[in-house]
Amino acid sequence: IVEVVKSLPEVEGISVRYTSSGTLEYGYQTKVRSSDKSESAG
């Protein structure tokens, strides 16, 4: 598909993306117990 798209002279740019669900956690280094909460964003 990418090769076909690139063969079009009218194309200015193409971005191929890979996605999955992910989570970021901040402050985990200072947790004393596993039950302690840290900042997170999904």
PDB file of all heavy atoms in Angstrom:
ATOM      1  N   ILE A   1       0.835  -1.207   0.000  1.00  0.00           N
ATOM      2  CA  ILE A   1       0.000   0.000   0.000  1.00  0.00           C
ATOM      3  C   ILE A   1       0.866   1.252   0.000  1.00  0.00           C
ATOM      4  O   ILE A   1       0.608   2.214  -0.730  1.00  0.00           O
ATOM      5  CB  ILE A   1      -0.948  -0.004   1.219  1.00  0.00           C
ATOM      6  CG1 ILE A   1      -1.959  -1.146   1.088  1.00  0.00           C
ATOM      7  CG2 ILE A   1      -1.672   1.333   1.356  1.00  0.00           C
ATOM      8  CD1 ILE A   1      -2.819  -1.342   2.312  1.00  0.00           C
ATOM      9  N   VAL A   2       1.907   1.248   0.813  1.00  0.00           N
ATOM     10  CA  VAL A   2       2.802   2.404   0.885  1.00  0.00           C
ATOM     11  C   VAL A   2       3.463   2.670  -0.466  1.00  0.00           C
ATOM     12  O   VAL A   2       3.568   3.821  -0.909  1.00  0.00           O
ATOM     13  CB  VAL A   2       3.866   2.197   1.984  1.00  0.00           C
ATOM     14  CG1 VAL A   2       4.954   3.270   1.888  1.00  0.00           C
ATOM     15  CG2 VAL A   2       3.219   2.229   3.364  1.00  0.00           C
ATOM     16  N   GLU A   3       3.899   1.612  -1.133  1.00  0.00           N
ATOM     17  CA  GLU A   3       4.525   1.790  -2.443  1.00  0.00           C
ATOM     18  C   GLU A   3       3.541   2.357  -3.466  1.00  0.00           C
ATOM     19  O   GLU A   3       3.897   3.212  -4.285  1.00  0.00           O
ATOM     20  CB  GLU A   3       5.090   0.448  -2.940  1.00  0.00           C
ATOM     21  CG  GLU A   3       6.307  -0.034  -2.158  1.00  0.00           C
ATOM     22  CD  GLU A   3       7.420   0.996  -2.142  1.00  0.00           C
ATOM     23  OE1 GLU A   3       7.739   1.553  -3.217  1.00  0.00           O
ATOM     24  OE2 GLU A   3       7.954   1.269  -1.050  1.00  0.00           O
ATOM     25  N   VAL A   4       2.301   1.878  -3.421  1.00  0.00           N
ATOM     26  CA  VAL A   4       1.270   2.399  -4.329  1.00  0.00           C
ATOM     27  C   VAL A   4       1.027   3.881  -4.051  1.00  0.00           C
ATOM     28  O   VAL A   4       0.961   4.704  -4.982  1.00  0.00           O
ATOM     29  CB  VAL A   4      -0.048   1.606  -4.178  1.00  0.00           C
ATOM     30  CG1 VAL A   4      -1.191   2.319  -4.893  1.00  0.00           C
ATOM     31  CG2 VAL A   4       0.119   0.195  -4.734  1.00  0.00           C
ATOM     32  N   VAL A   5       0.906   4.235  -2.781  1.00  0.00           N
ATOM     33  CA  VAL A   5       0.672   5.636  -2.417  1.00  0.00           C
ATOM     34  C   VAL A   5       1.834   6.513  -2.880  1.00  0.00           C
ATOM     35  O   VAL A   5       1.630   7.606  -3.425  1.00  0.00           O
ATOM     36  CB  VAL A   5       0.472   5.769  -0.894  1.00  0.00           C
ATOM     37  CG1 VAL A   5       0.450   7.245  -0.481  1.00  0.00           C
ATOM     38  CG2 VAL A   5      -0.825   5.096  -0.460  1.00  0.00           C
ATOM     39  N   LYS A   6       3.049   6.049  -2.673  1.00  0.00           N
ATOM     40  CA  LYS A   6       4.220   6.832  -3.058  1.00  0.00           C
ATOM     41  C   LYS A   6       4.334   7.009  -4.568  1.00  0.00           C
ATOM     42  O   LYS A   6       5.003   7.937  -5.033  1.00  0.00           O
ATOM     43  CB  LYS A   6       5.490   6.181  -2.515  1.00  0.00           C
ATOM     44  CG  LYS A   6       5.669   6.334  -1.012  1.00  0.00           C
ATOM     45  CD  LYS A   6       6.970   5.714  -0.549  1.00  0.00           C
ATOM     46  CE  LYS A   6       7.217   5.959   0.938  1.00  0.00           C
ATOM     47  NZ  LYS A   6       8.474   5.349   1.418  1.00  0.00           N
ATOM     48  N   SER A   7       3.682   6.128  -5.320  1.00  0.00           N
ATOM     49  CA  SER A   7       3.736   6.248  -6.780  1.00  0.00           C
ATOM     50  C   SER A   7       2.840   7.365  -7.301  1.00  0.00           C
ATOM     51  O   SER A   7       2.903   7.735  -8.470  1.00  0.00           O
ATOM     52  CB  SER A   7       3.337   4.919  -7.431  1.00  0.00           C
ATOM     53  OG  SER A   7       1.945   4.649  -7.269  1.00  0.00           O
ATOM     54  N   LEU A   8       1.993   7.895  -6.421  1.00  0.00           N
ATOM     55  CA  LEU A   8       1.118   8.998  -6.793  1.00  0.00           C
ATOM     56  C   LEU A   8       1.906  10.311  -6.747  1.00  0.00           C
ATOM     57  O   LEU A   8       2.382  10.717  -5.684  1.00  0.00           O
ATOM     58  CB  LEU A   8      -0.050   9.103  -5.808  1.00  0.00           C
ATOM     59  CG  LEU A   8      -1.398   8.512  -6.213  1.00  0.00           C
ATOM     60  CD1 LEU A   8      -2.333   8.523  -5.003  1.00  0.00           C
ATOM     61  CD2 LEU A   8      -2.020   9.283  -7.347  1.00  0.00           C
ATOM     62  N   PRO A   9       2.067  10.999  -7.872  1.00  0.00           N
ATOM     63  CA  PRO A   9       2.819  12.269  -7.862  1.00  0.00           C
ATOM     64  C   PRO A   9       2.130  13.352  -7.048  1.00  0.00           C
ATOM     65  O   PRO A   9       2.764  14.332  -6.653  1.00  0.00           O
ATOM     66  CB  PRO A   9       2.889  12.641  -9.353  1.00  0.00           C
ATOM     67  CG  PRO A   9       1.752  11.907  -9.999  1.00  0.00           C
ATOM     68  CD  PRO A   9       1.611  10.629  -9.225  1.00  0.00           C
ATOM     69  N   GLU A  10       0.840  13.175  -6.786  1.00  0.00           N
ATOM     70  CA  GLU A  10       0.093  14.183  -6.027  1.00  0.00           C
ATOM     71  C   GLU A  10       0.293  14.078  -4.513  1.00  0.00           C
ATOM     72  O   GLU A  10      -0.198  14.914  -3.758  1.00  0.00           O
ATOM     73  CB  GLU A  10      -1.405  14.071  -6.332  1.00  0.00           C
ATOM     74  CG  GLU A  10      -1.789  14.360  -7.769  1.00  0.00           C
ATOM     75  CD  GLU A  10      -1.680  13.128  -8.658  1.00  0.00           C
ATOM     76  OE1 GLU A  10      -1.267  12.066  -8.143  1.00  0.00           O
ATOM     77  OE2 GLU A  10      -2.013  13.216  -9.853  1.00  0.00           O
ATOM     78  N   VAL A  11       1.024  13.052  -4.069  1.00  0.00           N
ATOM     79  CA  VAL A  11       1.217  12.840  -2.631  1.00  0.00           C
ATOM     80  C   VAL A  11       2.324  13.748  -2.098  1.00  0.00           C
ATOM     81  O   VAL A  11       3.409  13.828  -2.658  1.00  0.00           O
ATOM     82  CB  VAL A  11       1.559  11.364  -2.342  1.00  0.00           C
ATOM     83  CG1 VAL A  11       2.047  11.193  -0.905  1.00  0.00           C
ATOM     84  CG2 VAL A  11       0.334  10.498  -2.578  1.00  0.00           C
ATOM     85  N   GLU A  12       2.003  14.419  -0.990  1.00  0.00           N
ATOM     86  CA  GLU A  12       2.963  15.316  -0.352  1.00  0.00           C
ATOM     87  C   GLU A  12       3.627  14.661   0.848  1.00  0.00           C
ATOM     88  O   GLU A  12       4.755  14.999   1.207  1.00  0.00           O
ATOM     89  CB  GLU A  12       2.250  16.604   0.075  1.00  0.00           C
ATOM     90  CG  GLU A  12       3.163  17.762   0.379  1.00  0.00           C
ATOM     91  CD  GLU A  12       2.400  19.068   0.495  1.00  0.00           C
ATOM     92  OE1 GLU A  12       2.187  19.717  -0.552  1.00  0.00           O
ATOM     93  OE2 GLU A  12       1.999  19.443   1.614  1.00  0.00           O
ATOM     94  N   GLY A  13       2.921  13.731   1.485  1.00  0.00           N
ATOM     95  CA  GLY A  13       3.493  13.052   2.640  1.00  0.00           C
ATOM     96  C   GLY A  13       2.674  11.845   3.035  1.00  0.00           C
ATOM     97  O   GLY A  13       1.485  11.746   2.714  1.00  0.00           O
ATOM     98  N   ILE A  14       3.309  10.899   3.714  1.00  0.00           N
ATOM     99  CA  ILE A  14       2.615   9.701   4.172  1.00  0.00           C
ATOM    100  C   ILE A  14       3.176   9.299   5.530  1.00  0.00           C
ATOM    101  O   ILE A  14       4.389   9.301   5.731  1.00  0.00           O
ATOM    102  CB  ILE A  14       2.752   8.540   3.156  1.00  0.00           C
ATOM    103  CG1 ILE A  14       2.092   7.264   3.706  1.00  0.00           C
ATOM    104  CG2 ILE A  14       4.195   8.288   2.786  1.00  0.00           C
ATOM    105  CD1 ILE A  14       2.031   6.126   2.698  1.00  0.00           C
ATOM    106  N   SER A  15       2.283   9.001   6.470  1.00  0.00           N
ATOM    107  CA  SER A  15       2.704   8.566   7.800  1.00  0.00           C
ATOM    108  C   SER A  15       2.087   7.211   8.109  1.00  0.00           C
ATOM    109  O   SER A  15       0.873   7.044   8.050  1.00  0.00           O
ATOM    110  CB  SER A  15       2.280   9.579   8.867  1.00  0.00           C
ATOM    111  OG  SER A  15       2.677   9.127  10.158  1.00  0.00           O
ATOM    112  N   VAL A  16       2.953   6.250   8.416  1.00  0.00           N
ATOM    113  CA  VAL A  16       2.525   4.906   8.792  1.00  0.00           C
ATOM    114  C   VAL A  16       2.603   4.815  10.309  1.00  0.00           C
ATOM    115  O   VAL A  16       3.660   5.051  10.902  1.00  0.00           O
ATOM    116  CB  VAL A  16       3.430   3.846   8.144  1.00  0.00           C
ATOM    117  CG1 VAL A  16       3.032   2.444   8.602  1.00  0.00           C
ATOM    118  CG2 VAL A  16       3.382   3.961   6.625  1.00  0.00           C
ATOM    119  N   ARG A  17       1.492   4.495  10.956  1.00  0.00           N
ATOM    120  CA  ARG A  17       1.433   4.489  12.415  1.00  0.00           C
ATOM    121  C   ARG A  17       1.098   3.106  12.972  1.00  0.00           C
ATOM    122  O   ARG A  17       0.330   2.361  12.373  1.00  0.00           O
ATOM    123  CB  ARG A  17       0.376   5.482  12.910  1.00  0.00           C
ATOM    124  CG  ARG A  17       0.570   6.913  12.427  1.00  0.00           C
ATOM    125  CD  ARG A  17      -0.617   7.769  12.811  1.00  0.00           C
ATOM    126  NE  ARG A  17      -0.568   9.124  12.255  1.00  0.00           N
ATOM    127  CZ  ARG A  17      -1.625   9.821  11.898  1.00  0.00           C
ATOM    128  NH1 ARG A  17      -2.835   9.291  12.044  1.00  0.00           N
ATOM    129  NH2 ARG A  17      -1.492  11.034  11.399  1.00  0.00           N
ATOM    130  N   TYR A  18       1.679   2.813  14.137  1.00  0.00           N
ATOM    131  CA  TYR A  18       1.409   1.575  14.865  1.00  0.00           C
ATOM    132  C   TYR A  18       0.823   1.970  16.223  1.00  0.00           C
ATOM    133  O   TYR A  18       1.361   2.865  16.888  1.00  0.00           O
ATOM    134  CB  TYR A  18       2.693   0.766  15.055  1.00  0.00           C
ATOM    135  CG  TYR A  18       3.375   0.429  13.753  1.00  0.00           C
ATOM    136  CD1 TYR A  18       4.256   1.333  13.154  1.00  0.00           C
ATOM    137  CD2 TYR A  18       3.122  -0.775  13.106  1.00  0.00           C
ATOM    138  CE1 TYR A  18       4.872   1.037  11.944  1.00  0.00           C
ATOM    139  CE2 TYR A  18       3.745  -1.075  11.898  1.00  0.00           C
ATOM    140  CZ  TYR A  18       4.618  -0.169  11.325  1.00  0.00           C
ATOM    141  OH  TYR A  18       5.222  -0.453  10.118  1.00  0.00           O
ATOM    142  N   THR A  19      -0.256   1.338  16.629  1.00  0.00           N
ATOM    143  CA  THR A  19      -0.922   1.760  17.866  1.00  0.00           C
ATOM    144  C   THR A  19      -1.215   0.599  18.813  1.00  0.00           C
ATOM    145  O   THR A  19      -1.381  -0.553  18.395  1.00  0.00           O
ATOM    146  CB  THR A  19      -2.243   2.482  17.563  1.00  0.00           C
ATOM    147  OG1 THR A  19      -3.159   1.563  16.953  1.00  0.00           O
ATOM    148  CG2 THR A  19      -2.019   3.682  16.649  1.00  0.00           C
ATOM    149  N   SER A  20      -1.288   0.942  20.089  1.00  0.00           N
ATOM    150  CA  SER A  20      -1.681  -0.003  21.135  1.00  0.00           C
ATOM    151  C   SER A  20      -2.033   0.819  22.368  1.00  0.00           C
ATOM    152  O   SER A  20      -1.652   1.982  22.483  1.00  0.00           O
ATOM    153  CB  SER A  20      -0.538  -0.975  21.454  1.00  0.00           C
ATOM    154  OG  SER A  20      -0.945  -1.934  22.409  1.00  0.00           O
ATOM    155  N   SER A  21      -2.752   0.239  23.291  1.00  0.00           N
ATOM    156  CA  SER A  21      -3.056   0.931  24.542  1.00  0.00           C
ATOM    157  C   SER A  21      -1.809   0.979  25.413  1.00  0.00           C
ATOM    158  O   SER A  21      -1.093  -0.023  25.546  1.00  0.00           O
ATOM    159  CB  SER A  21      -4.181   0.215  25.299  1.00  0.00           C
ATOM    160  OG  SER A  21      -5.377   0.251  24.548  1.00  0.00           O
ATOM    161  N   GLY A  22      -1.542   2.130  26.001  1.00  0.00           N
ATOM    162  CA  GLY A  22      -0.363   2.283  26.842  1.00  0.00           C
ATOM    163  C   GLY A  22      -0.668   3.122  28.075  1.00  0.00           C
ATOM    164  O   GLY A  22      -1.652   3.865  28.112  1.00  0.00           O
ATOM    165  N   THR A  23       0.181   3.002  29.075  1.00  0.00           N
ATOM    166  CA  THR A  23       0.029   3.756  30.312  1.00  0.00           C
ATOM    167  C   THR A  23       1.365   4.350  30.728  1.00  0.00           C
ATOM    168  O   THR A  23       2.407   3.694  30.624  1.00  0.00           O
ATOM    169  CB  THR A  23      -0.497   2.859  31.452  1.00  0.00           C
ATOM    170  OG1 THR A  23      -1.740   2.268  31.061  1.00  0.00           O
ATOM    171  CG2 THR A  23      -0.708   3.660  32.729  1.00  0.00           C
ATOM    172  N   LEU A  24       1.332   5.596  31.199  1.00  0.00           N
ATOM    173  CA  LEU A  24       2.511   6.250  31.753  1.00  0.00           C
ATOM    174  C   LEU A  24       2.334   6.377  33.259  1.00  0.00           C
ATOM    175  O   LEU A  24       1.256   6.720  33.740  1.00  0.00           O
ATOM    176  CB  LEU A  24       2.701   7.639  31.146  1.00  0.00           C
ATOM    177  CG  LEU A  24       3.028   7.714  29.660  1.00  0.00           C
ATOM    178  CD1 LEU A  24       3.071   9.168  29.200  1.00  0.00           C
ATOM    179  CD2 LEU A  24       4.346   7.020  29.351  1.00  0.00           C
ATOM    180  N   GLU A  25       3.409   6.114  34.003  1.00  0.00           N
ATOM    181  CA  GLU A  25       3.366   6.214  35.460  1.00  0.00           C
ATOM    182  C   GLU A  25       4.505   7.102  35.934  1.00  0.00           C
ATOM    183  O   GLU A  25       5.645   6.955  35.504  1.00  0.00           O
ATOM    184  CB  GLU A  25       3.472   4.818  36.082  1.00  0.00           C
ATOM    185  CG  GLU A  25       3.305   4.779  37.579  1.00  0.00           C
ATOM    186  CD  GLU A  25       3.461   3.375  38.132  1.00  0.00           C
ATOM    187  OE1 GLU A  25       3.773   2.447  37.353  1.00  0.00           O
ATOM    188  OE2 GLU A  25       3.278   3.215  39.358  1.00  0.00           O
ATOM    189  N   TYR A  26       4.183   8.028  36.831  1.00  0.00           N
ATOM    190  CA  TYR A  26       5.182   8.959  37.361  1.00  0.00           C
ATOM    191  C   TYR A  26       5.176   8.894  38.882  1.00  0.00           C
ATOM    192  O   TYR A  26       4.123   8.827  39.507  1.00  0.00           O
ATOM    193  CB  TYR A  26       4.863  10.383  36.912  1.00  0.00           C
ATOM    194  CG  TYR A  26       5.800  11.433  37.469  1.00  0.00           C
ATOM    195  CD1 TYR A  26       7.141  11.465  37.085  1.00  0.00           C
ATOM    196  CD2 TYR A  26       5.351  12.375  38.381  1.00  0.00           C
ATOM    197  CE1 TYR A  26       8.009  12.421  37.605  1.00  0.00           C
ATOM    198  CE2 TYR A  26       6.210  13.342  38.895  1.00  0.00           C
ATOM    199  CZ  TYR A  26       7.538  13.360  38.498  1.00  0.00           C
ATOM    200  OH  TYR A  26       8.397  14.312  39.008  1.00  0.00           O
ATOM    201  N   GLY A  27       6.376   8.912  39.476  1.00  0.00           N
ATOM    202  CA  GLY A  27       6.492   8.855  40.925  1.00  0.00           C
ATOM    203  C   GLY A  27       6.582   7.449  41.466  1.00  0.00           C
ATOM    204  O   GLY A  27       6.539   7.244  42.683  1.00  0.00           O
ATOM    205  N   TYR A  28       6.724   6.485  40.599  1.00  0.00           N
ATOM    206  CA  TYR A  28       6.787   5.088  41.030  1.00  0.00           C
ATOM    207  C   TYR A  28       8.070   4.800  41.813  1.00  0.00           C
ATOM    208  O   TYR A  28       8.131   3.874  42.620  1.00  0.00           O
ATOM    209  CB  TYR A  28       6.705   4.153  39.812  1.00  0.00           C
ATOM    210  CG  TYR A  28       7.756   4.430  38.767  1.00  0.00           C
ATOM    211  CD1 TYR A  28       8.983   3.790  38.780  1.00  0.00           C
ATOM    212  CD2 TYR A  28       7.521   5.365  37.764  1.00  0.00           C
ATOM    213  CE1 TYR A  28       9.944   4.059  37.834  1.00  0.00           C
ATOM    214  CE2 TYR A  28       8.468   5.640  36.811  1.00  0.00           C
ATOM    215  CZ  TYR A  28       9.691   4.991  36.844  1.00  0.00           C
ATOM    216  OH  TYR A  28      10.645   5.269  35.904  1.00  0.00           O
ATOM    217  N   GLN A  29       9.117   5.611  41.609  1.00  0.00           N
ATOM    218  CA  GLN A  29      10.401   5.364  42.286  1.00  0.00           C
ATOM    219  C   GLN A  29      10.309   5.574  43.786  1.00  0.00           C
ATOM    220  O   GLN A  29      11.086   4.997  44.551  1.00  0.00           O
ATOM    221  CB  GLN A  29      11.491   6.286  41.724  1.00  0.00           C
ATOM    222  CG  GLN A  29      11.699   6.172  40.221  1.00  0.00           C
ATOM    223  CD  GLN A  29      10.953   7.261  39.457  1.00  0.00           C
ATOM    224  OE1 GLN A  29       9.867   7.657  39.872  1.00  0.00           O
ATOM    225  NE2 GLN A  29      11.524   7.724  38.361  1.00  0.00           N
ATOM    226  N   THR A  30       9.364   6.414  44.223  1.00  0.00           N
ATOM    227  CA  THR A  30       9.271   6.752  45.648  1.00  0.00           C
ATOM    228  C   THR A  30       8.214   5.929  46.389  1.00  0.00           C
ATOM    229  O   THR A  30       7.964   6.176  47.574  1.00  0.00           O
ATOM    230  CB  THR A  30       8.933   8.248  45.814  1.00  0.00           C
ATOM    231  OG1 THR A  30       7.687   8.530  45.145  1.00  0.00           O
ATOM    232  CG2 THR A  30      10.033   9.115  45.204  1.00  0.00           C
ATOM    233  N   LYS A  31       7.591   4.990  45.716  1.00  0.00           N
ATOM    234  CA  LYS A  31       6.587   4.153  46.376  1.00  0.00           C
ATOM    235  C   LYS A  31       7.251   3.249  47.414  1.00  0.00           C
ATOM    236  O   LYS A  31       8.254   2.604  47.138  1.00  0.00           O
ATOM    237  CB  LYS A  31       5.840   3.300  45.343  1.00  0.00           C
ATOM    238  CG  LYS A  31       4.927   4.101  44.420  1.00  0.00           C
ATOM    239  CD  LYS A  31       4.360   3.257  43.298  1.00  0.00           C
ATOM    240  CE  LYS A  31       3.511   2.136  43.800  1.00  0.00           C
ATOM    241  NZ  LYS A  31       2.859   1.392  42.689  1.00  0.00           N
ATOM    242  N   VAL A  32       6.684   3.248  48.616  1.00  0.00           N
ATOM    243  CA  VAL A  32       7.207   2.408  49.695  1.00  0.00           C
ATOM    244  C   VAL A  32       6.535   1.046  49.675  1.00  0.00           C
ATOM    245  O   VAL A  32       7.172   0.009  49.849  1.00  0.00           O
ATOM    246  CB  VAL A  32       6.992   3.084  51.067  1.00  0.00           C
ATOM    247  CG1 VAL A  32       7.473   2.174  52.193  1.00  0.00           C
ATOM    248  CG2 VAL A  32       7.702   4.431  51.111  1.00  0.00           C
ATOM    249  N   ARG A  33       5.222   1.058  49.463  1.00  0.00           N
ATOM    250  CA  ARG A  33       4.463  -0.189  49.402  1.00  0.00           C
ATOM    251  C   ARG A  33       3.842  -0.348  48.018  1.00  0.00           C
ATOM    252  O   ARG A  33       3.565   0.649  47.335  1.00  0.00           O
ATOM    253  CB  ARG A  33       3.360  -0.196  50.472  1.00  0.00           C
ATOM    254  CG  ARG A  33       3.875  -0.151  51.905  1.00  0.00           C
ATOM    255  CD  ARG A  33       2.725  -0.053  52.893  1.00  0.00           C
ATOM    256  NE  ARG A  33       2.009   1.200  52.724  1.00  0.00           N
ATOM    257  CZ  ARG A  33       2.366   2.329  53.324  1.00  0.00           C
ATOM    258  NH1 ARG A  33       3.426   2.362  54.115  1.00  0.00           N
ATOM    259  NH2 ARG A  33       1.666   3.432  53.132  1.00  0.00           N
ATOM    260  N   SER A  34       3.591  -1.562  47.622  1.00  0.00           N
ATOM    261  CA  SER A  34       2.997  -1.816  46.311  1.00  0.00           C
ATOM    262  C   SER A  34       1.601  -1.226  46.209  1.00  0.00           C
ATOM    263  O   SER A  34       1.110  -0.941  45.115  1.00  0.00           O
ATOM    264  CB  SER A  34       2.943  -3.330  46.033  1.00  0.00           C
ATOM    265  OG  SER A  34       2.163  -3.983  47.030  1.00  0.00           O
ATOM    266  N   SER A  35       0.962  -1.016  47.362  1.00  0.00           N
ATOM    267  CA  SER A  35      -0.388  -0.452  47.375  1.00  0.00           C
ATOM    268  C   SER A  35      -0.379   1.073  47.248  1.00  0.00           C
ATOM    269  O   SER A  35      -1.428   1.684  47.038  1.00  0.00           O
ATOM    270  CB  SER A  35      -1.123  -0.857  48.652  1.00  0.00           C
ATOM    271  OG  SER A  35      -0.407  -0.414  49.793  1.00  0.00           O
ATOM    272  N   ASP A  36       0.795   1.698  47.408  1.00  0.00           N
ATOM    273  CA  ASP A  36       0.891   3.154  47.268  1.00  0.00           C
ATOM    274  C   ASP A  36       0.552   3.558  45.845  1.00  0.00           C
ATOM    275  O   ASP A  36       0.954   2.895  44.878  1.00  0.00           O
ATOM    276  CB  ASP A  36       2.299   3.640  47.612  1.00  0.00           C
ATOM    277  CG  ASP A  36       2.615   3.492  49.095  1.00  0.00           C
ATOM    278  OD1 ASP A  36       1.662   3.308  49.871  1.00  0.00           O
ATOM    279  OD2 ASP A  36       3.804   3.552  49.447  1.00  0.00           O
ATOM    280  N   LYS A  37      -0.179   4.669  45.727  1.00  0.00           N
ATOM    281  CA  LYS A  37      -0.584   5.135  44.403  1.00  0.00           C
ATOM    282  C   LYS A  37       0.434   6.119  43.841  1.00  0.00           C
ATOM    283  O   LYS A  37       1.023   6.909  44.562  1.00  0.00           O
ATOM    284  CB  LYS A  37      -1.967   5.803  44.471  1.00  0.00           C
ATOM    285  CG  LYS A  37      -3.100   4.865  44.825  1.00  0.00           C
ATOM    286  CD  LYS A  37      -4.445   5.561  44.701  1.00  0.00           C
ATOM    287  CE  LYS A  37      -4.755   5.905  43.260  1.00  0.00           C
ATOM    288  NZ  LYS A  37      -6.111   6.493  43.099  1.00  0.00           N
ATOM    289  N   SER A  38       0.637   6.051  42.547  1.00  0.00           N
ATOM    290  CA  SER A  38       1.477   7.023  41.853  1.00  0.00           C
ATOM    291  C   SER A  38       0.648   7.626  40.729  1.00  0.00           C
ATOM    292  O   SER A  38      -0.423   7.134  40.400  1.00  0.00           O
ATOM    293  CB  SER A  38       2.733   6.346  41.292  1.00  0.00           C
ATOM    294  OG  SER A  38       2.387   5.260  40.459  1.00  0.00           O
ATOM    295  N   GLU A  39       1.137   8.706  40.158  1.00  0.00           N
ATOM    296  CA  GLU A  39       0.413   9.335  39.052  1.00  0.00           C
ATOM    297  C   GLU A  39       0.430   8.416  37.834  1.00  0.00           C
ATOM    298  O   GLU A  39       1.447   7.797  37.533  1.00  0.00           O
ATOM    299  CB  GLU A  39       1.080  10.653  38.658  1.00  0.00           C
ATOM    300  CG  GLU A  39       1.068  11.715  39.725  1.00  0.00           C
ATOM    301  CD  GLU A  39       1.770  12.976  39.241  1.00  0.00           C
ATOM    302  OE1 GLU A  39       1.873  13.179  38.016  1.00  0.00           O
ATOM    303  OE2 GLU A  39       2.214  13.754  40.098  1.00  0.00           O
ATOM    304  N   SER A  40      -0.681   8.345  37.122  1.00  0.00           N
ATOM    305  CA  SER A  40      -0.692   7.551  35.896  1.00  0.00           C
ATOM    306  C   SER A  40      -1.659   8.164  34.894  1.00  0.00           C
ATOM    307  O   SER A  40      -2.616   8.841  35.266  1.00  0.00           O
ATOM    308  CB  SER A  40      -1.081   6.097  36.176  1.00  0.00           C
ATOM    309  OG  SER A  40      -2.406   6.010  36.655  1.00  0.00           O
ATOM    310  N   ALA A  41      -1.375   7.933  33.645  1.00  0.00           N
ATOM    311  CA  ALA A  41      -2.241   8.404  32.562  1.00  0.00           C
ATOM    312  C   ALA A  41      -2.211   7.377  31.448  1.00  0.00           C
ATOM    313  O   ALA A  41      -1.145   6.898  31.056  1.00  0.00           O
ATOM    314  CB  ALA A  41      -1.781   9.765  32.047  1.00  0.00           C
ATOM    315  N   GLY A  42      -3.383   7.027  30.962  1.00  0.00           N
ATOM    316  CA  GLY A  42      -3.476   6.061  29.875  1.00  0.00           C
ATOM    317  C   GLY A  42      -3.839   6.729  28.571  1.00  0.00           C
ATOM    318  O   GLY A  42      -4.581   7.723  28.541  1.00  0.00           O
TER     319      GLY A  42
END
